[in-house]
Amino acid sequence: MSDMTEDTSTRFTTFITPSLKRFDLAITATNRFYGKKLITDLQSGKTAIIGPDDLEEEGYLEYTFKLTEEEAMELSQFLYLVVGTVNFTD
């Protein structure tokens, strides 16, 4: 069990892809999760812990956020810009 409080940074972003899919995201940076980011789709309420390795995993975004292959590709192009590299803190 764990119960911790931490100061975090959250970036709110909205964008529309070339296929006209709108994304409203909250991207939270924290010292937990080995430097990965908490990505929350504000429209669906779905949240995932995502780093560059997760973006390389085939079908991960489609499954996690219930997207089509095209929508997931467009989302991953954006997320590559914001997730950065993973930093191990432990």
N, C-alpha and C. Protein backbone atom coordinates (compact mmCIF):
# COMPACT_ATOMS: atom_id res chain seq x y z
N MET A 1 0.85 -1.17 0.00
CA MET A 1 0.00 0.00 0.00
C MET A 1 0.89 1.23 0.00
N SER A 2 0.39 2.28 -0.57
CA SER A 2 1.13 3.52 -0.67
C SER A 2 0.15 4.68 -0.69
N ASP A 3 0.56 5.79 -0.09
CA ASP A 3 -0.24 7.01 -0.11
C ASP A 3 0.73 8.18 -0.08
N MET A 4 0.93 8.80 -1.22
CA MET A 4 1.92 9.87 -1.32
C MET A 4 1.29 11.10 -1.97
N THR A 5 1.81 12.25 -1.62
CA THR A 5 1.42 13.49 -2.27
C THR A 5 2.64 14.03 -2.99
N GLU A 6 2.42 14.53 -4.21
CA GLU A 6 3.53 15.02 -5.03
C GLU A 6 3.07 16.21 -5.85
N ASP A 7 3.94 17.18 -6.02
CA ASP A 7 3.67 18.27 -6.94
C ASP A 7 3.91 17.75 -8.35
N THR A 8 2.95 17.98 -9.24
CA THR A 8 3.06 17.53 -10.62
C THR A 8 2.86 18.71 -11.55
N SER A 9 3.11 18.47 -12.81
CA SER A 9 2.88 19.48 -13.84
C SER A 9 1.94 18.87 -14.86
N THR A 10 0.87 19.58 -15.19
CA THR A 10 -0.10 19.07 -16.16
C THR A 10 -0.24 20.05 -17.31
N ARG A 11 -0.14 19.50 -18.51
CA ARG A 11 -0.31 20.27 -19.75
C ARG A 11 -1.64 19.86 -20.36
N PHE A 12 -2.49 20.83 -20.64
CA PHE A 12 -3.77 20.57 -21.29
C PHE A 12 -3.63 20.98 -22.75
N THR A 13 -3.99 20.09 -23.64
CA THR A 13 -3.86 20.39 -25.06
C THR A 13 -5.04 19.85 -25.85
N THR A 14 -5.43 20.59 -26.86
CA THR A 14 -6.49 20.18 -27.77
C THR A 14 -5.96 20.31 -29.19
N PHE A 15 -6.18 19.28 -30.00
CA PHE A 15 -5.80 19.38 -31.40
C PHE A 15 -6.73 18.53 -32.25
N ILE A 16 -6.79 18.87 -33.51
CA ILE A 16 -7.59 18.13 -34.47
C ILE A 16 -6.65 17.54 -35.51
N THR A 17 -6.79 16.26 -35.75
CA THR A 17 -5.91 15.55 -36.67
C THR A 17 -6.34 15.81 -38.11
N PRO A 18 -5.49 15.44 -39.08
CA PRO A 18 -5.88 15.58 -40.48
C PRO A 18 -7.17 14.82 -40.85
N SER A 19 -7.46 13.73 -40.10
CA SER A 19 -8.70 12.99 -40.36
C SER A 19 -9.89 13.57 -39.58
N LEU A 20 -9.67 14.75 -38.98
CA LEU A 20 -10.70 15.50 -38.25
C LEU A 20 -11.13 14.86 -36.93
N LYS A 21 -10.26 14.05 -36.33
CA LYS A 21 -10.48 13.52 -34.99
C LYS A 21 -9.95 14.55 -34.00
N ARG A 22 -10.78 14.94 -33.04
CA ARG A 22 -10.38 15.91 -32.02
C ARG A 22 -9.89 15.17 -30.78
N PHE A 23 -8.75 15.62 -30.26
CA PHE A 23 -8.21 15.09 -29.01
C PHE A 23 -8.13 16.21 -27.99
N ASP A 24 -8.66 15.96 -26.81
CA ASP A 24 -8.52 16.84 -25.65
C ASP A 24 -7.75 16.04 -24.62
N LEU A 25 -6.51 16.41 -24.38
CA LEU A 25 -5.64 15.61 -23.52
C LEU A 25 -5.14 16.40 -22.31
N ALA A 26 -4.95 15.68 -21.22
CA ALA A 26 -4.22 16.19 -20.06
C ALA A 26 -2.98 15.32 -19.95
N ILE A 27 -1.81 15.96 -19.99
CA ILE A 27 -0.54 15.24 -19.96
C ILE A 27 0.15 15.62 -18.66
N THR A 28 0.24 14.68 -17.74
CA THR A 28 0.78 14.95 -16.41
C THR A 28 2.17 14.37 -16.28
N ALA A 29 3.11 15.24 -15.90
CA ALA A 29 4.48 14.82 -15.62
C ALA A 29 4.61 14.63 -14.12
N THR A 30 5.21 13.51 -13.74
CA THR A 30 5.36 13.15 -12.34
C THR A 30 6.72 12.48 -12.15
N ASN A 31 7.17 12.38 -10.91
CA ASN A 31 8.43 11.68 -10.63
C ASN A 31 8.23 10.17 -10.55
N ARG A 32 7.02 9.73 -10.60
CA ARG A 32 6.70 8.30 -10.55
C ARG A 32 6.70 7.73 -11.96
N PHE A 33 6.54 6.46 -12.08
CA PHE A 33 6.39 5.77 -13.37
C PHE A 33 7.62 5.89 -14.25
N TYR A 34 8.81 6.00 -13.63
CA TYR A 34 10.08 5.98 -14.36
C TYR A 34 10.15 7.03 -15.45
N GLY A 35 9.55 8.18 -15.21
CA GLY A 35 9.62 9.28 -16.16
C GLY A 35 8.56 9.26 -17.24
N LYS A 36 7.74 8.22 -17.28
CA LYS A 36 6.66 8.18 -18.26
C LYS A 36 5.60 9.21 -17.86
N LYS A 37 4.74 9.56 -18.79
CA LYS A 37 3.70 10.56 -18.55
C LYS A 37 2.33 9.90 -18.39
N LEU A 38 1.49 10.51 -17.59
CA LEU A 38 0.09 10.10 -17.49
C LEU A 38 -0.67 10.85 -18.57
N ILE A 39 -1.22 10.13 -19.52
CA ILE A 39 -1.97 10.74 -20.61
C ILE A 39 -3.44 10.44 -20.39
N THR A 40 -4.24 11.49 -20.24
CA THR A 40 -5.68 11.32 -20.03
C THR A 40 -6.43 11.91 -21.21
N ASP A 41 -7.27 11.10 -21.82
CA ASP A 41 -8.18 11.57 -22.86
C ASP A 41 -9.39 12.14 -22.12
N LEU A 42 -9.54 13.44 -22.14
CA LEU A 42 -10.60 14.09 -21.36
C LEU A 42 -11.99 13.81 -21.90
N GLN A 43 -12.11 13.42 -23.16
CA GLN A 43 -13.42 13.10 -23.72
C GLN A 43 -13.93 11.75 -23.23
N SER A 44 -13.02 10.76 -23.16
CA SER A 44 -13.44 9.41 -22.77
C SER A 44 -13.16 9.10 -21.31
N GLY A 45 -12.25 9.88 -20.69
CA GLY A 45 -11.87 9.61 -19.31
C GLY A 45 -10.83 8.50 -19.18
N LYS A 46 -10.33 8.00 -20.28
CA LYS A 46 -9.33 6.93 -20.24
C LYS A 46 -7.95 7.53 -20.00
N THR A 47 -7.18 6.86 -19.14
CA THR A 47 -5.84 7.31 -18.78
C THR A 47 -4.86 6.17 -18.95
N ALA A 48 -3.66 6.50 -19.42
CA ALA A 48 -2.61 5.50 -19.56
C ALA A 48 -1.27 6.12 -19.18
N ILE A 49 -0.37 5.29 -18.69
CA ILE A 49 1.00 5.69 -18.41
C ILE A 49 1.79 5.38 -19.67
N ILE A 50 2.34 6.43 -20.32
CA ILE A 50 2.92 6.25 -21.64
C ILE A 50 4.32 6.85 -21.72
N GLY A 51 5.21 6.05 -22.30
CA GLY A 51 6.56 6.49 -22.64
C GLY A 51 6.83 6.11 -24.08
N PRO A 52 8.02 6.45 -24.57
CA PRO A 52 8.35 6.15 -25.97
C PRO A 52 8.23 4.66 -26.31
N ASP A 53 8.56 3.79 -25.37
CA ASP A 53 8.47 2.35 -25.62
C ASP A 53 7.03 1.91 -25.84
N ASP A 54 6.11 2.54 -25.16
CA ASP A 54 4.69 2.19 -25.33
C ASP A 54 4.18 2.61 -26.71
N LEU A 55 4.70 3.71 -27.22
CA LEU A 55 4.29 4.18 -28.54
C LEU A 55 4.77 3.23 -29.64
N GLU A 56 5.83 2.49 -29.36
CA GLU A 56 6.36 1.53 -30.33
C GLU A 56 5.57 0.21 -30.32
N GLU A 57 4.82 -0.03 -29.25
CA GLU A 57 4.08 -1.29 -29.11
C GLU A 57 2.85 -1.29 -30.01
N GLU A 58 2.83 -2.21 -30.94
CA GLU A 58 1.74 -2.28 -31.92
C GLU A 58 0.39 -2.50 -31.24
N GLY A 59 -0.57 -1.66 -31.57
CA GLY A 59 -1.92 -1.81 -31.07
C GLY A 59 -2.17 -1.23 -29.68
N TYR A 60 -1.13 -0.69 -29.04
CA TYR A 60 -1.28 -0.20 -27.66
C TYR A 60 -2.26 0.97 -27.57
N LEU A 61 -2.08 1.99 -28.40
CA LEU A 61 -2.97 3.15 -28.33
C LEU A 61 -4.38 2.79 -28.78
N GLU A 62 -4.49 1.93 -29.79
CA GLU A 62 -5.80 1.51 -30.27
C GLU A 62 -6.59 0.85 -29.14
N TYR A 63 -5.93 -0.07 -28.44
CA TYR A 63 -6.58 -0.80 -27.36
C TYR A 63 -6.88 0.11 -26.17
N THR A 64 -5.90 0.89 -25.76
CA THR A 64 -6.02 1.70 -24.54
C THR A 64 -7.07 2.80 -24.68
N PHE A 65 -7.06 3.50 -25.81
CA PHE A 65 -7.96 4.63 -25.99
C PHE A 65 -9.12 4.33 -26.93
N LYS A 66 -9.25 3.05 -27.35
CA LYS A 66 -10.35 2.62 -28.24
C LYS A 66 -10.38 3.46 -29.52
N LEU A 67 -9.26 3.46 -30.24
CA LEU A 67 -9.11 4.24 -31.45
C LEU A 67 -8.97 3.34 -32.67
N THR A 68 -9.21 3.92 -33.84
CA THR A 68 -8.91 3.21 -35.07
C THR A 68 -7.40 3.25 -35.27
N GLU A 69 -6.90 2.46 -36.20
CA GLU A 69 -5.47 2.45 -36.48
C GLU A 69 -4.99 3.83 -36.95
N GLU A 70 -5.79 4.48 -37.80
CA GLU A 70 -5.42 5.80 -38.31
C GLU A 70 -5.40 6.84 -37.18
N GLU A 71 -6.42 6.82 -36.31
CA GLU A 71 -6.47 7.76 -35.19
C GLU A 71 -5.29 7.55 -34.25
N ALA A 72 -4.95 6.29 -33.99
CA ALA A 72 -3.83 5.98 -33.11
C ALA A 72 -2.51 6.45 -33.71
N MET A 73 -2.34 6.32 -35.01
CA MET A 73 -1.13 6.79 -35.67
C MET A 73 -1.00 8.31 -35.52
N GLU A 74 -2.10 9.02 -35.71
CA GLU A 74 -2.08 10.47 -35.58
C GLU A 74 -1.81 10.89 -34.13
N LEU A 75 -2.38 10.20 -33.18
CA LEU A 75 -2.13 10.50 -31.77
C LEU A 75 -0.67 10.21 -31.42
N SER A 76 -0.14 9.10 -31.90
CA SER A 76 1.25 8.75 -31.57
C SER A 76 2.22 9.78 -32.14
N GLN A 77 1.93 10.33 -33.30
CA GLN A 77 2.81 11.37 -33.86
C GLN A 77 2.89 12.57 -32.91
N PHE A 78 1.77 12.94 -32.31
CA PHE A 78 1.78 14.03 -31.35
C PHE A 78 2.49 13.61 -30.06
N LEU A 79 2.19 12.42 -29.56
CA LEU A 79 2.75 11.99 -28.28
C LEU A 79 4.26 11.82 -28.33
N TYR A 80 4.81 11.44 -29.48
CA TYR A 80 6.27 11.37 -29.61
C TYR A 80 6.92 12.70 -29.25
N LEU A 81 6.24 13.79 -29.54
CA LEU A 81 6.79 15.11 -29.25
C LEU A 81 6.75 15.46 -27.77
N VAL A 82 5.83 14.85 -27.02
CA VAL A 82 5.65 15.27 -25.62
C VAL A 82 6.14 14.28 -24.58
N VAL A 83 6.26 13.01 -24.91
CA VAL A 83 6.65 12.06 -23.86
C VAL A 83 8.14 12.06 -23.60
N GLY A 84 8.95 12.45 -24.58
CA GLY A 84 10.39 12.52 -24.36
C GLY A 84 11.00 11.17 -24.04
N THR A 85 12.19 11.20 -23.52
CA THR A 85 12.87 9.97 -23.15
C THR A 85 12.57 9.63 -21.70
N VAL A 86 12.63 8.36 -21.39
CA VAL A 86 12.34 7.87 -20.04
C VAL A 86 13.59 7.99 -19.20
N ASN A 87 13.43 8.57 -17.99
CA ASN A 87 14.54 8.70 -17.04
C ASN A 87 14.28 7.82 -15.85
N PHE A 88 15.20 6.91 -15.57
CA PHE A 88 15.05 6.02 -14.42
C PHE A 88 15.56 6.73 -13.18
N THR A 89 14.70 6.83 -12.16
CA THR A 89 15.04 7.55 -10.95
C THR A 89 15.47 6.64 -9.81
N ASP A 90 15.22 5.36 -9.90
CA ASP A 90 15.59 4.44 -8.81
C ASP A 90 16.81 3.62 -9.17
